[in-house]
Amino acid sequence: MAGNANRRLGVAMDFSPCSIKALKWTVDNVVKEEDHLILVIIRPSEYYEHGEMQLWEATGSPLIPLADFSEPALMKKYGLKPEPEVIDIALTAVKQKNILVLMKIYWGDAREKICEAIEHIPLDSLTMGNRGLSTLRRAIMGSVSNYVVNNATCPVTVVKTADQQCNTPRKGK
């Protein structure tokens, strides 16, 4: 990463405990003053709606500022309900570290869309949690973090956890 001013640091976010842990880790260990912290959200294709969102199929949503994260009408438009803890972490980071926090939403396969986000935004680095899949489930389903680590064009940090709560996103997400 060349220089520190205005780095674009991504965090893959599905609002699960593992992705929240990755966000906390990034804020505590990587984020510096004037960085741009971008929460990269990947929604399954079935959450993709027709109309305006069709314009964003290839490039994802516009960058959404932190102030809009808690706007119910806007978040409903995207089919999201951000966890209050995520908003609290982001607001605290803005106040303490003087950074810009944004959200970008993509629809489709998480492995492919995270790698596309790295290119489209573009990101200087990405942090993501792991879901702690067993060897068998990882062989059948494939590991998102393993795919991203092997295919991303920027440095990727995987914040590991043994917490079994990470195996599924929180209810309603």
C-alpha atoms as a PDB file:
ATOM      1  CA  MET A   1       0.000   0.000   0.000  1.00  0.00           C
ATOM      2  CA  ALA A   2       1.487   3.236  -1.075  1.00  0.00           C
ATOM      3  CA  GLY A   3       1.232   5.899   1.606  1.00  0.00           C
ATOM      4  CA  ASN A   4      -1.355   5.995   4.346  1.00  0.00           C
ATOM      5  CA  ALA A   5      -3.586   8.906   3.307  1.00  0.00           C
ATOM      6  CA  ASN A   6      -7.014   7.853   2.093  1.00  0.00           C
ATOM      7  CA  ARG A   7      -6.360   4.113   2.077  1.00  0.00           C
ATOM      8  CA  ARG A   8      -9.442   2.108   1.150  1.00  0.00           C
ATOM      9  CA  LEU A   9      -9.754  -0.698   3.662  1.00  0.00           C
ATOM     10  CA  GLY A  10     -12.515  -3.226   3.089  1.00  0.00           C
ATOM     11  CA  VAL A  11     -14.268  -5.485   5.554  1.00  0.00           C
ATOM     12  CA  ALA A  12     -16.472  -8.277   4.219  1.00  0.00           C
ATOM     13  CA  MET A  13     -19.630  -7.960   6.315  1.00  0.00           C
ATOM     14  CA  ASP A  14     -22.637 -10.272   6.659  1.00  0.00           C
ATOM     15  CA  PHE A  15     -23.495  -9.067  10.179  1.00  0.00           C
ATOM     16  CA  SER A  16     -22.559 -12.452  11.674  1.00  0.00           C
ATOM     17  CA  PRO A  17     -20.513 -12.496  14.898  1.00  0.00           C
ATOM     18  CA  CYS A  18     -17.435 -13.454  12.821  1.00  0.00           C
ATOM     19  CA  SER A  19     -17.750 -10.492  10.463  1.00  0.00           C
ATOM     20  CA  ILE A  20     -18.344  -8.153  13.406  1.00  0.00           C
ATOM     21  CA  LYS A  21     -15.183  -9.539  15.005  1.00  0.00           C
ATOM     22  CA  ALA A  22     -13.319  -8.855  11.734  1.00  0.00           C
ATOM     23  CA  LEU A  23     -14.635  -5.271  11.743  1.00  0.00           C
ATOM     24  CA  LYS A  24     -13.507  -4.727  15.353  1.00  0.00           C
ATOM     25  CA  TRP A  25     -10.097  -6.218  14.572  1.00  0.00           C
ATOM     26  CA  THR A  26      -9.680  -3.955  11.545  1.00  0.00           C
ATOM     27  CA  VAL A  27     -10.632  -0.815  13.485  1.00  0.00           C
ATOM     28  CA  ASP A  28      -8.318  -1.753  16.375  1.00  0.00           C
ATOM     29  CA  ASN A  29      -5.316  -2.916  14.330  1.00  0.00           C
ATOM     30  CA  VAL A  30      -5.344  -1.468  10.814  1.00  0.00           C
ATOM     31  CA  VAL A  31      -7.399   1.728  10.526  1.00  0.00           C
ATOM     32  CA  LYS A  32      -5.481   4.987  10.736  1.00  0.00           C
ATOM     33  CA  GLU A  33      -6.547   8.608  10.493  1.00  0.00           C
ATOM     34  CA  GLU A  34      -8.065   9.640   7.147  1.00  0.00           C
ATOM     35  CA  ASP A  35      -8.584   6.053   5.954  1.00  0.00           C
ATOM     36  CA  HIS A  36     -11.739   5.042   4.140  1.00  0.00           C
ATOM     37  CA  LEU A  37     -13.329   1.980   5.745  1.00  0.00           C
ATOM     38  CA  ILE A  38     -15.690   0.254   3.334  1.00  0.00           C
ATOM     39  CA  LEU A  39     -18.076  -2.444   4.497  1.00  0.00           C
ATOM     40  CA  VAL A  40     -18.536  -4.856   1.598  1.00  0.00           C
ATOM     41  CA  ILE A  41     -21.907  -6.575   1.840  1.00  0.00           C
ATOM     42  CA  ILE A  42     -22.789  -9.518  -0.388  1.00  0.00           C
ATOM     43  CA  ARG A  43     -26.457 -10.424  -0.596  1.00  0.00           C
ATOM     44  CA  PRO A  44     -27.697 -13.677  -2.146  1.00  0.00           C
ATOM     45  CA  SER A  45     -29.166 -13.283  -5.615  1.00  0.00           C
ATOM     46  CA  GLU A  46     -32.701 -13.947  -4.332  1.00  0.00           C
ATOM     47  CA  TYR A  47     -32.521 -10.612  -2.479  1.00  0.00           C
ATOM     48  CA  TYR A  48     -31.820  -8.855  -5.751  1.00  0.00           C
ATOM     49  CA  GLU A  49     -34.823  -6.939  -6.994  1.00  0.00           C
ATOM     50  CA  HIS A  50     -35.759  -5.606 -10.389  1.00  0.00           C
ATOM     51  CA  GLY A  51     -35.858  -1.939 -11.328  1.00  0.00           C
ATOM     52  CA  GLU A  52     -33.220   0.417 -10.014  1.00  0.00           C
ATOM     53  CA  MET A  53     -31.055  -2.357  -8.597  1.00  0.00           C
ATOM     54  CA  GLN A  54     -30.655  -3.921 -12.043  1.00  0.00           C
ATOM     55  CA  LEU A  55     -28.414  -0.970 -12.833  1.00  0.00           C
ATOM     56  CA  TRP A  56     -26.106  -2.135 -10.065  1.00  0.00           C
ATOM     57  CA  GLU A  57     -25.957  -5.818 -10.993  1.00  0.00           C
ATOM     58  CA  ALA A  58     -22.398  -5.614 -12.335  1.00  0.00           C
ATOM     59  CA  THR A  59     -20.909  -2.865 -10.173  1.00  0.00           C
ATOM     60  CA  GLY A  60     -22.857  -3.123  -6.920  1.00  0.00           C
ATOM     61  CA  SER A  61     -24.744  -0.345  -5.182  1.00  0.00           C
ATOM     62  CA  PRO A  62     -23.464   3.199  -4.979  1.00  0.00           C
ATOM     63  CA  LEU A  63     -21.223   3.840  -1.968  1.00  0.00           C
ATOM     64  CA  ILE A  64     -23.552   4.409   0.985  1.00  0.00           C
ATOM     65  CA  PRO A  65     -22.382   6.865   3.692  1.00  0.00           C
ATOM     66  CA  LEU A  66     -22.499   5.905   7.375  1.00  0.00           C
ATOM     67  CA  ALA A  67     -25.289   8.434   8.046  1.00  0.00           C
ATOM     68  CA  ASP A  68     -27.586   6.334   5.831  1.00  0.00           C
ATOM     69  CA  PHE A  69     -26.911   3.004   7.628  1.00  0.00           C
ATOM     70  CA  SER A  70     -29.627   3.746  10.163  1.00  0.00           C
ATOM     71  CA  GLU A  71     -32.196   5.069   7.649  1.00  0.00           C
ATOM     72  CA  PRO A  72     -34.857   2.308   7.729  1.00  0.00           C
ATOM     73  CA  ALA A  73     -36.394   3.216   4.353  1.00  0.00           C
ATOM     74  CA  LEU A  74     -33.043   3.175   2.558  1.00  0.00           C
ATOM     75  CA  MET A  75     -31.852  -0.021   4.221  1.00  0.00           C
ATOM     76  CA  LYS A  76     -35.208  -1.672   3.425  1.00  0.00           C
ATOM     77  CA  LYS A  77     -34.661  -0.761  -0.227  1.00  0.00           C
ATOM     78  CA  TYR A  78     -31.454  -2.823  -0.097  1.00  0.00           C
ATOM     79  CA  GLY A  79     -33.014  -5.589   2.020  1.00  0.00           C
ATOM     80  CA  LEU A  80     -30.686  -4.896   4.960  1.00  0.00           C
ATOM     81  CA  LYS A  81     -31.025  -4.276   8.651  1.00  0.00           C
ATOM     82  CA  PRO A  82     -27.537  -3.450   9.918  1.00  0.00           C
ATOM     83  CA  GLU A  83     -26.711  -4.645  13.405  1.00  0.00           C
ATOM     84  CA  PRO A  84     -26.618  -1.773  15.924  1.00  0.00           C
ATOM     85  CA  GLU A  85     -23.213  -3.067  17.062  1.00  0.00           C
ATOM     86  CA  VAL A  86     -21.801  -2.513  13.548  1.00  0.00           C
ATOM     87  CA  ILE A  87     -23.124   1.059  13.494  1.00  0.00           C
ATOM     88  CA  ASP A  88     -21.678   1.677  16.982  1.00  0.00           C
ATOM     89  CA  ILE A  89     -18.242   0.365  15.958  1.00  0.00           C
ATOM     90  CA  ALA A  90     -18.289   2.531  12.820  1.00  0.00           C
ATOM     91  CA  LEU A  91     -19.435   5.688  14.644  1.00  0.00           C
ATOM     92  CA  THR A  92     -16.784   5.219  17.332  1.00  0.00           C
ATOM     93  CA  ALA A  93     -14.082   4.749  14.668  1.00  0.00           C
ATOM     94  CA  VAL A  94     -15.209   7.921  12.868  1.00  0.00           C
ATOM     95  CA  LYS A  95     -14.985   9.946  16.094  1.00  0.00           C
ATOM     96  CA  GLN A  96     -11.743   8.457  17.405  1.00  0.00           C
ATOM     97  CA  LYS A  97      -9.784   8.045  14.184  1.00  0.00           C
ATOM     98  CA  ASN A  98     -11.238  10.685  11.836  1.00  0.00           C
ATOM     99  CA  ILE A  99     -12.102   8.218   9.061  1.00  0.00           C
ATOM    100  CA  LEU A 100     -14.793   7.907   6.416  1.00  0.00           C
ATOM    101  CA  VAL A 101     -17.044   4.826   6.658  1.00  0.00           C
ATOM    102  CA  LEU A 102     -19.025   3.649   3.645  1.00  0.00           C
ATOM    103  CA  MET A 103     -21.034   0.585   2.666  1.00  0.00           C
ATOM    104  CA  LYS A 104     -21.185  -1.117  -0.753  1.00  0.00           C
ATOM    105  CA  ILE A 105     -23.637  -3.893  -1.546  1.00  0.00           C
ATOM    106  CA  TYR A 106     -23.288  -6.596  -4.188  1.00  0.00           C
ATOM    107  CA  TRP A 107     -25.656  -9.421  -5.126  1.00  0.00           C
ATOM    108  CA  GLY A 108     -24.554 -12.937  -6.024  1.00  0.00           C
ATOM    109  CA  ASP A 109     -21.927 -15.482  -5.021  1.00  0.00           C
ATOM    110  CA  ALA A 110     -19.876 -14.146  -2.107  1.00  0.00           C
ATOM    111  CA  ARG A 111     -16.567 -15.543  -3.376  1.00  0.00           C
ATOM    112  CA  GLU A 112     -16.806 -13.904  -6.774  1.00  0.00           C
ATOM    113  CA  LYS A 113     -18.423 -10.653  -5.638  1.00  0.00           C
ATOM    114  CA  ILE A 114     -15.863  -9.983  -2.895  1.00  0.00           C
ATOM    115  CA  CYS A 115     -13.065 -10.344  -5.459  1.00  0.00           C
ATOM    116  CA  GLU A 116     -14.978  -8.068  -7.851  1.00  0.00           C
ATOM    117  CA  ALA A 117     -15.409  -5.491  -5.065  1.00  0.00           C
ATOM    118  CA  ILE A 118     -11.657  -5.425  -4.518  1.00  0.00           C
ATOM    119  CA  GLU A 119     -11.239  -4.418  -8.169  1.00  0.00           C
ATOM    120  CA  HIS A 120     -14.260  -2.102  -8.555  1.00  0.00           C
ATOM    121  CA  ILE A 121     -13.867   0.022  -5.432  1.00  0.00           C
ATOM    122  CA  PRO A 122     -10.694  -0.510  -5.510  1.00  0.00           C
ATOM    123  CA  LEU A 123      -9.507  -1.740  -2.097  1.00  0.00           C
ATOM    124  CA  ASP A 124      -5.987  -1.529  -0.709  1.00  0.00           C
ATOM    125  CA  SER A 125      -6.687  -4.431   1.662  1.00  0.00           C
ATOM    126  CA  LEU A 126      -9.585  -6.593   2.842  1.00  0.00           C
ATOM    127  CA  THR A 127     -10.373  -8.157   6.193  1.00  0.00           C
ATOM    128  CA  MET A 128     -12.899 -10.932   6.607  1.00  0.00           C
ATOM    129  CA  GLY A 129     -13.989 -13.407   9.233  1.00  0.00           C
ATOM    130  CA  ASN A 130     -14.051 -17.133   8.806  1.00  0.00           C
ATOM    131  CA  ARG A 131     -17.105 -19.247   9.421  1.00  0.00           C
ATOM    132  CA  GLY A 132     -15.187 -22.182  10.880  1.00  0.00           C
ATOM    133  CA  LEU A 133     -16.553 -24.810   8.494  1.00  0.00           C
ATOM    134  CA  SER A 134     -15.534 -28.409   9.116  1.00  0.00           C
ATOM    135  CA  THR A 135     -13.170 -30.002   6.612  1.00  0.00           C
ATOM    136  CA  LEU A 136     -16.048 -31.903   4.999  1.00  0.00           C
ATOM    137  CA  ARG A 137     -18.365 -28.865   4.705  1.00  0.00           C
ATOM    138  CA  ARG A 138     -15.480 -26.775   3.368  1.00  0.00           C
ATOM    139  CA  ALA A 139     -14.768 -29.463   0.724  1.00  0.00           C
ATOM    140  CA  ILE A 140     -18.440 -29.610  -0.330  1.00  0.00           C
ATOM    141  CA  MET A 141     -19.403 -25.936  -0.094  1.00  0.00           C
ATOM    142  CA  GLY A 142     -16.040 -24.313  -0.594  1.00  0.00           C
ATOM    143  CA  SER A 143     -14.574 -21.755   1.745  1.00  0.00           C
ATOM    144  CA  VAL A 144     -15.281 -18.127   0.879  1.00  0.00           C
ATOM    145  CA  SER A 145     -12.218 -16.939   2.778  1.00  0.00           C
ATOM    146  CA  ASN A 146      -9.970 -19.539   1.100  1.00  0.00           C
ATOM    147  CA  TYR A 147     -11.231 -18.530  -2.348  1.00  0.00           C
ATOM    148  CA  VAL A 148     -10.757 -14.809  -1.656  1.00  0.00           C
ATOM    149  CA  VAL A 149      -7.268 -15.287  -0.199  1.00  0.00           C
ATOM    150  CA  ASN A 150      -6.230 -17.214  -3.319  1.00  0.00           C
ATOM    151  CA  ASN A 151      -7.883 -14.929  -5.897  1.00  0.00           C
ATOM    152  CA  ALA A 152      -7.840 -11.390  -4.482  1.00  0.00           C
ATOM    153  CA  THR A 153      -5.574  -8.746  -5.970  1.00  0.00           C
ATOM    154  CA  CYS A 154      -4.920  -7.063  -2.618  1.00  0.00           C
ATOM    155  CA  PRO A 155      -3.719  -8.297   0.775  1.00  0.00           C
ATOM    156  CA  VAL A 156      -6.439 -10.248   2.630  1.00  0.00           C
ATOM    157  CA  THR A 157      -6.534 -10.823   6.378  1.00  0.00           C
ATOM    158  CA  VAL A 158      -8.770 -13.575   7.733  1.00  0.00           C
ATOM    159  CA  VAL A 159      -9.707 -13.061  11.371  1.00  0.00           C
ATOM    160  CA  LYS A 160     -10.102 -16.602  12.608  1.00  0.00           C
ATOM    161  CA  THR A 161     -12.357 -17.747  15.371  1.00  0.00           C
ATOM    162  CA  ALA A 162     -13.392 -21.106  16.760  1.00  0.00           C
ATOM    163  CA  ASP A 163     -16.774 -19.710  17.760  1.00  0.00           C
ATOM    164  CA  GLN A 164     -19.526 -21.925  16.329  1.00  0.00           C
ATOM    165  CA  GLN A 165     -21.899 -18.923  16.227  1.00  0.00           C
ATOM    166  CA  CYS A 166     -20.070 -17.884  13.084  1.00  0.00           C
ATOM    167  CA  ASN A 167     -21.525 -20.694  11.001  1.00  0.00           C
ATOM    168  CA  THR A 168     -24.646 -18.711  10.095  1.00  0.00           C
ATOM    169  CA  PRO A 169     -25.504 -15.043   9.764  1.00  0.00           C
ATOM    170  CA  ARG A 170     -27.794 -13.619  12.412  1.00  0.00           C
ATOM    171  CA  LYS A 171     -31.503 -14.207  11.988  1.00  0.00           C
ATOM    172  CA  GLY A 172     -33.119 -11.860   9.492  1.00  0.00           C
ATOM    173  CA  LYS A 173     -29.932 -10.986   7.642  1.00  0.00           C
END
